[in-house]
Amino acid sequence: MRIDERIARRHATLTPQERKAATTLLDHLDDLATYRAAELAVLAGVSKATMSRLFRRLGFADFDEVREHLRALRSAGEPRRVDGSPDLAVHAAAEGDAITRVLHQPAITEAAHLLATAGRVLVVGWRNSHPVALHLRQQLVQARAGVALAPLPGQVIGEELVDLGAGDAVVVLGFRRRPRGFAEFLDAAAGTGARVVLVADATALPLVDRVDVWMECPVQTGLAFDSYAAAMSLVGVLADAVLSACGSAARDRVSAISRTYDLLGELEA
């Protein structure tokens, strides 16, 4: 199991100091092997004993073993050169495993009910998260009205929050290498009274206390670039659950949209 997945699995059982140390590890996954254990402890503001204890809690004998683990992984959010040709069979198996784990999250049911019953829904995503947010909005708008996407090209986010309130929902896609101010946005969204759903990889674990519903979705692979296959699968399953939860009103909306397509001649016959 990858080091970030180990942290995700054990996060709830860690002490506050160990959580600080774990957050530092997640923040430095791309260059972790360039540090000494003592330097990581200083960065985290914890003792060397706490950092060593965390390594053992994660299943590593010591930091040397962590380094060996990292040599086999591409842990950086930015694309990194991969030595040799990738083993596509191994990659496909890893993708399939990630999708299976993501789609068996109990939080999907909770999120679907929230999105089906909310007055308005705002779907938010920056950078690499934006295409996933765009796809989610496009699926949700088939099932229900009042679904918006932010930020739009050339726009900032502040004006998108002012009309939200209790009974509304904000879905935030926040995969790693998030923009500065991401945590503050979560706080501002929650401050409107709307309920907040966060979909992100394990690097967002320190932020889960700021939201109402958390769904973890890995993006790391053995290839040079992150993969959003699991994220897109999650969008499909979540949108399908919302469509089902909306019942006959959703079916009527889908039919009305299809009639409009025909009226405007927008789709191929």
Foldseek 3Di string as FASTA:
>chain_A
DALLVLCVVCVVVDDPLLNLLSLLCLVCLQPVLVDDLCVSCVVSVHHSVSSQVSCVSSPHNGVVRVNVRSVQFRNDQAFDDAPDDDDVVVQVVVLVVLLVVQVPDPLLLVVLLLLLFAPAEEEEEDDPQQVLSVVLQVLQVLQDPRYYYPDDPPDDCVVVQPPDAARHEYEYEAEPPGDPCPLVVLQSNVVRNHAYEYEYASSCVVNPVSGDTYGHHAQTTRHRHTHCSSSNSSSVVSSVSNNVSNPPSSVVSNVVVVVVCVVVVVDDD
